[in-house]
Amino acid sequence: MQTLLVNRAVSMSQFKKNPAAVLRQAEGRPVAVLNHNRVGFYLLEPPLLQVLLEELGRLRQADPAHAGAAPHQQLIEALLSQAKAASA
């Protein structure tokens, strides 16, 4: 059984029918989009993603000994770079 990391979930079919409605109903909160009752992806609005990436950056700076320990470090670095470029 897969754990949902958010409080709201919609089916892939519902999302494909009207993605704008899903975003509107989410009211800025993250949404899990399910494909065959499993999370296909999480939908985050840009401001929330930016806050998450900034917090990841702060955590890395606060504990540099663990900065390279994350298994997805390259992805995090790429996302942080994209967030910085978007805000510039």
N, C-alpha and C. Protein backbone atom coordinates (compact mmCIF):
# COMPACT_ATOMS: atom_id res chain seq x y z
N MET A 1 0.84 -1.18 0.00
CA MET A 1 0.00 0.00 0.00
C MET A 1 0.88 1.24 0.00
N GLN A 2 0.55 2.19 -0.84
CA GLN A 2 1.33 3.41 -0.98
C GLN A 2 0.76 4.51 -0.07
N THR A 3 1.64 5.23 0.59
CA THR A 3 1.22 6.31 1.48
C THR A 3 1.10 7.60 0.69
N LEU A 4 -0.02 8.29 0.86
CA LEU A 4 -0.18 9.61 0.25
C LEU A 4 0.51 10.63 1.14
N LEU A 5 1.24 11.54 0.54
CA LEU A 5 1.96 12.56 1.29
C LEU A 5 1.18 13.87 1.38
N VAL A 6 -0.04 13.87 0.85
CA VAL A 6 -0.88 15.07 0.85
C VAL A 6 -2.31 14.69 1.23
N ASN A 7 -3.13 15.70 1.49
CA ASN A 7 -4.51 15.46 1.90
C ASN A 7 -5.49 15.36 0.74
N ARG A 8 -5.11 15.82 -0.44
CA ARG A 8 -6.02 15.82 -1.58
C ARG A 8 -5.47 14.96 -2.70
N ALA A 9 -6.35 14.16 -3.29
CA ALA A 9 -5.96 13.31 -4.41
C ALA A 9 -7.08 13.31 -5.45
N VAL A 10 -6.68 13.23 -6.71
CA VAL A 10 -7.63 13.12 -7.82
C VAL A 10 -7.13 12.03 -8.75
N SER A 11 -8.04 11.47 -9.52
CA SER A 11 -7.65 10.46 -10.49
C SER A 11 -7.00 11.12 -11.70
N MET A 12 -6.24 10.36 -12.43
CA MET A 12 -5.62 10.86 -13.66
C MET A 12 -6.70 11.29 -14.64
N SER A 13 -7.78 10.53 -14.71
CA SER A 13 -8.89 10.87 -15.62
C SER A 13 -9.50 12.22 -15.26
N GLN A 14 -9.73 12.43 -13.97
CA GLN A 14 -10.29 13.69 -13.50
C GLN A 14 -9.33 14.84 -13.81
N PHE A 15 -8.05 14.62 -13.58
CA PHE A 15 -7.05 15.65 -13.86
C PHE A 15 -7.02 15.99 -15.34
N LYS A 16 -7.03 14.97 -16.20
CA LYS A 16 -6.96 15.21 -17.64
C LYS A 16 -8.21 15.91 -18.17
N LYS A 17 -9.35 15.66 -17.56
CA LYS A 17 -10.60 16.31 -18.00
C LYS A 17 -10.56 17.81 -17.78
N ASN A 18 -10.02 18.23 -16.63
CA ASN A 18 -10.03 19.65 -16.32
C ASN A 18 -8.92 20.01 -15.34
N PRO A 19 -7.67 20.10 -15.82
CA PRO A 19 -6.56 20.43 -14.92
C PRO A 19 -6.72 21.78 -14.23
N ALA A 20 -7.32 22.75 -14.92
CA ALA A 20 -7.49 24.07 -14.30
C ALA A 20 -8.42 23.98 -13.09
N ALA A 21 -9.46 23.16 -13.18
CA ALA A 21 -10.38 23.00 -12.05
C ALA A 21 -9.68 22.34 -10.87
N VAL A 22 -8.82 21.38 -11.15
CA VAL A 22 -8.07 20.71 -10.07
C VAL A 22 -7.19 21.73 -9.36
N LEU A 23 -6.50 22.58 -10.11
CA LEU A 23 -5.66 23.62 -9.52
C LEU A 23 -6.49 24.60 -8.69
N ARG A 24 -7.62 25.01 -9.23
CA ARG A 24 -8.49 25.95 -8.51
C ARG A 24 -8.98 25.35 -7.19
N GLN A 25 -9.42 24.10 -7.24
CA GLN A 25 -9.95 23.44 -6.05
C GLN A 25 -8.86 23.17 -5.02
N ALA A 26 -7.63 23.05 -5.46
CA ALA A 26 -6.51 22.78 -4.54
C ALA A 26 -6.22 23.99 -3.65
N GLU A 27 -6.56 25.18 -4.12
CA GLU A 27 -6.34 26.41 -3.36
C GLU A 27 -4.91 26.54 -2.85
N GLY A 28 -3.95 26.24 -3.73
CA GLY A 28 -2.54 26.40 -3.38
C GLY A 28 -1.91 25.23 -2.66
N ARG A 29 -2.70 24.24 -2.31
CA ARG A 29 -2.17 23.06 -1.61
C ARG A 29 -1.76 22.00 -2.63
N PRO A 30 -0.84 21.11 -2.26
CA PRO A 30 -0.41 20.06 -3.20
C PRO A 30 -1.52 19.03 -3.41
N VAL A 31 -1.49 18.40 -4.58
CA VAL A 31 -2.49 17.39 -4.95
C VAL A 31 -1.75 16.17 -5.49
N ALA A 32 -2.18 14.98 -5.06
CA ALA A 32 -1.65 13.74 -5.63
C ALA A 32 -2.54 13.37 -6.81
N VAL A 33 -1.93 13.08 -7.94
CA VAL A 33 -2.68 12.62 -9.10
C VAL A 33 -2.44 11.12 -9.20
N LEU A 34 -3.53 10.36 -9.11
CA LEU A 34 -3.45 8.90 -9.05
C LEU A 34 -3.64 8.27 -10.42
N ASN A 35 -2.83 7.28 -10.68
CA ASN A 35 -2.94 6.48 -11.90
C ASN A 35 -3.09 5.03 -11.45
N HIS A 36 -4.26 4.44 -11.68
CA HIS A 36 -4.55 3.08 -11.21
C HIS A 36 -4.36 2.97 -9.69
N ASN A 37 -4.88 3.97 -8.98
CA ASN A 37 -4.86 4.02 -7.51
C ASN A 37 -3.47 4.09 -6.91
N ARG A 38 -2.50 4.51 -7.68
CA ARG A 38 -1.15 4.76 -7.18
C ARG A 38 -0.76 6.17 -7.58
N VAL A 39 0.05 6.82 -6.76
CA VAL A 39 0.46 8.19 -7.07
C VAL A 39 1.28 8.19 -8.35
N GLY A 40 0.79 8.94 -9.33
CA GLY A 40 1.54 9.13 -10.57
C GLY A 40 2.49 10.30 -10.44
N PHE A 41 1.97 11.36 -9.81
CA PHE A 41 2.80 12.53 -9.54
C PHE A 41 2.07 13.42 -8.55
N TYR A 42 2.83 14.37 -8.00
CA TYR A 42 2.26 15.38 -7.13
C TYR A 42 2.24 16.70 -7.88
N LEU A 43 1.16 17.40 -7.75
CA LEU A 43 0.97 18.69 -8.41
C LEU A 43 1.19 19.79 -7.38
N LEU A 44 2.18 20.65 -7.65
CA LEU A 44 2.50 21.77 -6.75
C LEU A 44 2.48 23.05 -7.56
N GLU A 45 1.89 24.08 -7.00
CA GLU A 45 1.94 25.38 -7.66
C GLU A 45 3.33 25.97 -7.45
N PRO A 46 3.80 26.82 -8.36
CA PRO A 46 5.16 27.37 -8.28
C PRO A 46 5.53 27.99 -6.94
N PRO A 47 4.66 28.78 -6.29
CA PRO A 47 5.08 29.36 -5.01
C PRO A 47 5.40 28.31 -3.94
N LEU A 48 4.62 27.24 -3.91
CA LEU A 48 4.87 26.18 -2.93
C LEU A 48 6.18 25.45 -3.26
N LEU A 49 6.40 25.16 -4.51
CA LEU A 49 7.65 24.51 -4.91
C LEU A 49 8.84 25.39 -4.55
N GLN A 50 8.73 26.68 -4.78
CA GLN A 50 9.83 27.58 -4.45
C GLN A 50 10.14 27.56 -2.96
N VAL A 51 9.09 27.59 -2.13
CA VAL A 51 9.29 27.54 -0.68
C VAL A 51 9.97 26.24 -0.28
N LEU A 52 9.53 25.12 -0.85
CA LEU A 52 10.14 23.83 -0.52
C LEU A 52 11.62 23.79 -0.92
N LEU A 53 11.92 24.29 -2.10
CA LEU A 53 13.32 24.29 -2.56
C LEU A 53 14.18 25.21 -1.72
N GLU A 54 13.64 26.35 -1.33
CA GLU A 54 14.40 27.26 -0.47
C GLU A 54 14.67 26.61 0.89
N GLU A 55 13.69 25.90 1.42
CA GLU A 55 13.87 25.22 2.70
C GLU A 55 14.91 24.11 2.58
N LEU A 56 14.90 23.37 1.48
CA LEU A 56 15.93 22.36 1.25
C LEU A 56 17.31 22.99 1.24
N GLY A 57 17.42 24.14 0.58
CA GLY A 57 18.70 24.84 0.54
C GLY A 57 19.15 25.27 1.92
N ARG A 58 18.22 25.78 2.73
CA ARG A 58 18.57 26.19 4.10
C ARG A 58 19.01 24.98 4.92
N LEU A 59 18.33 23.85 4.78
CA LEU A 59 18.71 22.66 5.52
C LEU A 59 20.10 22.18 5.14
N ARG A 60 20.40 22.25 3.85
CA ARG A 60 21.73 21.83 3.39
C ARG A 60 22.80 22.75 3.96
N GLN A 61 22.53 24.03 4.01
CA GLN A 61 23.52 24.98 4.54
C GLN A 61 23.69 24.81 6.04
N ALA A 62 22.61 24.46 6.72
CA ALA A 62 22.67 24.30 8.18
C ALA A 62 23.45 23.06 8.58
N ASP A 63 23.47 22.04 7.73
CA ASP A 63 24.15 20.79 8.05
C ASP A 63 24.97 20.32 6.86
N PRO A 64 26.08 21.00 6.57
CA PRO A 64 26.88 20.66 5.39
C PRO A 64 27.45 19.24 5.43
N ALA A 65 27.57 18.63 6.59
CA ALA A 65 28.09 17.26 6.67
C ALA A 65 27.16 16.28 5.97
N HIS A 66 25.87 16.62 5.89
CA HIS A 66 24.92 15.73 5.24
C HIS A 66 24.50 16.22 3.86
N ALA A 67 25.12 17.26 3.37
CA ALA A 67 24.73 17.85 2.09
C ALA A 67 24.85 16.86 0.94
N GLY A 68 25.86 16.01 0.95
CA GLY A 68 26.02 15.06 -0.14
C GLY A 68 25.43 13.70 0.15
N ALA A 69 24.80 13.52 1.29
CA ALA A 69 24.30 12.21 1.68
C ALA A 69 22.98 11.84 1.03
N ALA A 70 22.23 12.83 0.55
CA ALA A 70 20.91 12.55 -0.03
C ALA A 70 21.08 11.78 -1.34
N PRO A 71 20.27 10.72 -1.55
CA PRO A 71 20.40 9.93 -2.77
C PRO A 71 20.03 10.69 -4.03
N HIS A 72 19.24 11.73 -3.90
CA HIS A 72 18.79 12.50 -5.06
C HIS A 72 19.43 13.88 -5.10
N GLN A 73 20.66 13.97 -4.65
CA GLN A 73 21.33 15.26 -4.52
C GLN A 73 21.41 16.01 -5.85
N GLN A 74 21.68 15.32 -6.94
CA GLN A 74 21.79 16.00 -8.23
C GLN A 74 20.46 16.61 -8.64
N LEU A 75 19.36 15.88 -8.38
CA LEU A 75 18.04 16.40 -8.70
C LEU A 75 17.75 17.64 -7.87
N ILE A 76 18.07 17.59 -6.58
CA ILE A 76 17.84 18.73 -5.71
C ILE A 76 18.64 19.93 -6.20
N GLU A 77 19.89 19.70 -6.58
CA GLU A 77 20.73 20.79 -7.08
C GLU A 77 20.12 21.39 -8.34
N ALA A 78 19.64 20.55 -9.24
CA ALA A 78 19.04 21.04 -10.48
C ALA A 78 17.78 21.86 -10.19
N LEU A 79 16.96 21.38 -9.27
CA LEU A 79 15.75 22.10 -8.91
C LEU A 79 16.07 23.43 -8.25
N LEU A 80 17.06 23.44 -7.38
CA LEU A 80 17.47 24.70 -6.74
C LEU A 80 17.97 25.70 -7.77
N SER A 81 18.74 25.22 -8.74
CA SER A 81 19.25 26.10 -9.79
C SER A 81 18.10 26.67 -10.61
N GLN A 82 17.11 25.83 -10.94
CA GLN A 82 15.96 26.29 -11.71
C GLN A 82 15.16 27.33 -10.93
N ALA A 83 14.98 27.10 -9.64
CA ALA A 83 14.23 28.03 -8.81
C ALA A 83 14.94 29.38 -8.74
N LYS A 84 16.28 29.34 -8.60
CA LYS A 84 17.05 30.58 -8.55
C LYS A 84 16.96 31.33 -9.87
N ALA A 85 17.05 30.60 -10.98
CA ALA A 85 16.97 31.22 -12.30
C ALA A 85 15.59 31.83 -12.54
N ALA A 86 14.55 31.15 -12.08
CA ALA A 86 13.18 31.64 -12.27
C ALA A 86 12.92 32.89 -11.46
N SER A 87 13.53 32.99 -10.30
CA SER A 87 13.29 34.14 -9.44
C SER A 87 14.18 35.33 -9.79
N ALA A 88 15.17 35.12 -10.64
CA ALA A 88 16.09 36.21 -11.01
C ALA A 88 15.51 37.13 -12.05
